[in-house]
Amino acid sequence: MKKIVILCLVSLTILVSFSNNIIAQSDSLIINFISDIPKYLPVSEIIKLEFAISTDVEIINSQNQSDLLSIYPNPFESSLYIKFNMEESSDVNIRIYDIIGLEVYHHQLKESENGEKIIKWDGKNQFGYIVQPGNYLIVIQGRSQVKYKLIQKI
């Protein structure tokens, strides 16, 4: 008997990604509710997925994105430095997504002080494998700020 999962979301941001669980040799859907524990569902139990996506964007601060986040070198071969400035102290999540939107890297700075930070990324995914050449999106998210930049691995 298949289970039906109904997700009711009101003003809640979610990240959805598919992963290949190498140990269990099966695919799972990971639904990560921001500020919550990820929920894992075997793909075989999913009957239907429907998503409604809002594309409205409100620009609150018109400060140039390049002033808030810089990446060097870009393009890069093996590793790069991520330099960013946060306006307030908070937990900071650094995520890197491939061109189809799958998260390849995640690093969290707990209770990070405001100000400038520099992080080195070794070009490896969360499993320790070197990512393939291509385009990636870096997203840095604090309590009230989101910064992003496209990078290229050669």
Protein backbone atom coordinates (compact mmCIF):
# COMPACT_ATOMS: atom_id res chain seq x y z
CA MET A 1 0.00 0.00 0.00
CA LYS A 2 1.40 3.39 -1.01
CA LYS A 3 1.43 6.23 1.47
CA ILE A 4 0.22 9.68 0.50
CA VAL A 5 2.20 12.59 1.91
CA ILE A 6 0.45 15.93 2.02
CA LEU A 7 2.59 18.97 2.73
CA CYS A 8 0.78 22.13 3.75
CA LEU A 9 3.14 25.08 3.62
CA VAL A 10 2.31 28.60 4.68
CA SER A 11 5.16 31.12 4.33
CA LEU A 12 7.74 28.37 4.65
CA THR A 13 10.84 28.01 2.52
CA ILE A 14 11.88 24.51 1.54
CA LEU A 15 14.78 23.01 -0.35
CA VAL A 16 14.06 19.85 -2.30
CA SER A 17 16.75 17.62 -3.76
CA PHE A 18 17.10 14.06 -4.97
CA SER A 19 20.05 12.03 -3.76
CA ASN A 20 21.40 8.63 -4.60
CA ASN A 21 22.00 6.83 -1.34
CA ILE A 22 25.10 4.80 -2.21
CA ILE A 23 24.96 2.65 0.93
CA ALA A 24 21.36 1.51 0.53
CA GLN A 25 21.47 1.51 -3.29
CA SER A 26 18.18 3.38 -3.53
CA ASP A 27 17.02 6.88 -4.37
CA SER A 28 15.42 9.19 -1.83
CA LEU A 29 13.72 12.55 -1.94
CA ILE A 30 15.07 14.89 0.71
CA ILE A 31 12.76 17.68 1.82
CA ASN A 32 14.69 20.12 3.97
CA PHE A 33 12.46 22.59 5.76
CA ILE A 34 14.63 25.59 6.57
CA SER A 35 15.40 25.59 10.34
CA ASP A 36 14.13 22.02 10.67
CA ILE A 37 15.45 18.48 10.35
CA PRO A 38 15.46 17.03 6.79
CA LYS A 39 12.71 14.54 5.98
CA TYR A 40 13.70 11.52 3.84
CA LEU A 41 11.16 9.73 1.64
CA PRO A 42 11.94 6.71 -0.55
CA VAL A 43 11.18 7.59 -4.16
CA SER A 44 9.23 4.34 -4.51
CA GLU A 45 6.67 5.67 -1.99
CA ILE A 46 6.04 8.94 -3.83
CA ILE A 47 2.96 8.97 -6.04
CA LYS A 48 2.85 12.60 -7.11
CA LEU A 49 4.68 15.85 -6.38
CA GLU A 50 3.14 19.23 -7.06
CA PHE A 51 4.89 22.52 -6.44
CA ALA A 52 3.65 26.08 -6.66
CA ILE A 53 6.52 28.52 -6.94
CA SER A 54 6.31 32.23 -6.28
CA THR A 55 8.59 34.32 -8.44
CA ASP A 56 8.02 37.66 -6.75
CA VAL A 57 11.24 39.26 -5.56
CA GLU A 58 11.43 42.37 -3.43
CA ILE A 59 14.75 44.18 -3.41
CA ILE A 60 15.16 45.77 0.00
CA ASN A 61 18.78 46.88 -0.21
CA SER A 62 20.10 48.10 -3.54
CA GLN A 63 23.75 47.72 -2.53
CA ASN A 64 25.80 46.17 -5.33
CA GLN A 65 25.98 42.37 -4.96
CA SER A 66 29.70 42.44 -5.84
CA ASP A 67 30.32 44.64 -2.78
CA LEU A 68 28.78 41.98 -0.52
CA LEU A 69 30.35 38.82 -1.97
CA SER A 70 33.53 38.17 -3.94
CA ILE A 71 34.94 34.91 -5.23
CA TYR A 72 38.53 34.36 -6.30
CA PRO A 73 39.81 32.94 -8.49
CA ASN A 74 36.79 32.68 -10.75
CA PRO A 75 36.94 30.57 -12.87
CA PHE A 76 38.85 28.15 -10.62
CA GLU A 77 40.61 24.82 -11.09
CA SER A 78 40.85 23.16 -7.66
CA SER A 79 39.86 25.56 -4.87
CA LEU A 80 38.54 29.07 -4.35
CA TYR A 81 38.06 31.69 -1.66
CA ILE A 82 34.64 33.04 -0.75
CA LYS A 83 34.81 36.52 0.79
CA PHE A 84 31.60 38.00 2.16
CA ASN A 85 30.38 40.64 4.58
CA MET A 86 27.41 40.08 6.90
CA GLU A 87 25.67 43.10 8.40
CA GLU A 88 24.52 41.31 11.57
CA SER A 89 25.57 38.39 13.76
CA SER A 90 23.72 35.15 13.01
CA ASP A 91 24.15 31.58 11.83
CA VAL A 92 25.45 31.68 8.26
CA ASN A 93 24.82 28.90 5.72
CA ILE A 94 27.09 28.60 2.69
CA ARG A 95 25.59 26.40 -0.01
CA ILE A 96 26.87 25.55 -3.48
CA TYR A 97 24.48 24.24 -6.14
CA ASP A 98 25.24 22.70 -9.52
CA ILE A 99 23.62 23.97 -12.71
CA ILE A 100 20.51 21.78 -12.27
CA GLY A 101 19.96 22.95 -8.69
CA LEU A 102 21.38 20.05 -6.68
CA GLU A 103 23.25 21.03 -3.54
CA VAL A 104 26.85 19.85 -3.82
CA TYR A 105 28.27 21.55 -0.72
CA HIS A 106 26.97 22.98 2.55
CA HIS A 107 28.88 24.63 5.38
CA GLN A 108 27.36 26.36 8.40
CA LEU A 109 29.02 28.99 10.56
CA LYS A 110 27.27 28.90 13.95
CA GLU A 111 26.65 32.27 15.62
CA SER A 112 28.95 34.08 13.20
CA GLU A 113 29.82 37.66 14.15
CA ASN A 114 28.99 40.45 11.72
CA GLY A 115 31.72 41.71 9.41
CA GLU A 116 33.95 40.29 6.72
CA LYS A 117 34.62 36.54 6.47
CA ILE A 118 36.81 34.50 4.11
CA ILE A 119 36.13 30.79 3.56
CA LYS A 120 38.20 28.43 1.41
CA TRP A 121 36.30 25.77 -0.57
CA ASP A 122 38.41 22.84 -1.75
CA GLY A 123 36.16 22.07 -4.75
CA LYS A 124 34.81 18.88 -3.17
CA ASN A 125 31.21 17.87 -2.57
CA GLN A 126 29.78 16.77 0.80
CA PHE A 127 30.99 13.21 0.12
CA GLY A 128 34.60 14.31 -0.41
CA TYR A 129 34.65 13.91 -4.21
CA ILE A 130 35.99 16.64 -6.49
CA VAL A 131 33.13 18.33 -8.35
CA GLN A 132 33.05 18.19 -12.15
CA PRO A 133 33.97 21.20 -14.32
CA GLY A 134 30.95 23.41 -14.94
CA ASN A 135 28.90 26.29 -13.56
CA TYR A 136 27.83 26.50 -9.93
CA LEU A 137 25.85 28.92 -7.78
CA ILE A 138 27.11 29.97 -4.35
CA VAL A 139 24.38 31.09 -1.94
CA ILE A 140 25.24 32.61 1.44
CA GLN A 141 22.30 33.01 3.80
CA GLY A 142 22.25 34.78 7.16
CA ARG A 143 19.30 35.73 9.33
CA SER A 144 18.15 38.59 7.09
CA GLN A 145 20.58 38.53 4.16
CA VAL A 146 21.04 36.31 1.13
CA LYS A 147 24.03 36.71 -1.18
CA TYR A 148 24.71 34.74 -4.34
CA LYS A 149 27.25 34.51 -7.14
CA LEU A 150 27.85 32.27 -10.15
CA ILE A 151 31.20 30.49 -10.34
CA GLN A 152 32.85 28.30 -12.94
CA LYS A 153 35.11 25.28 -12.40
CA ILE A 154 37.48 24.56 -15.27
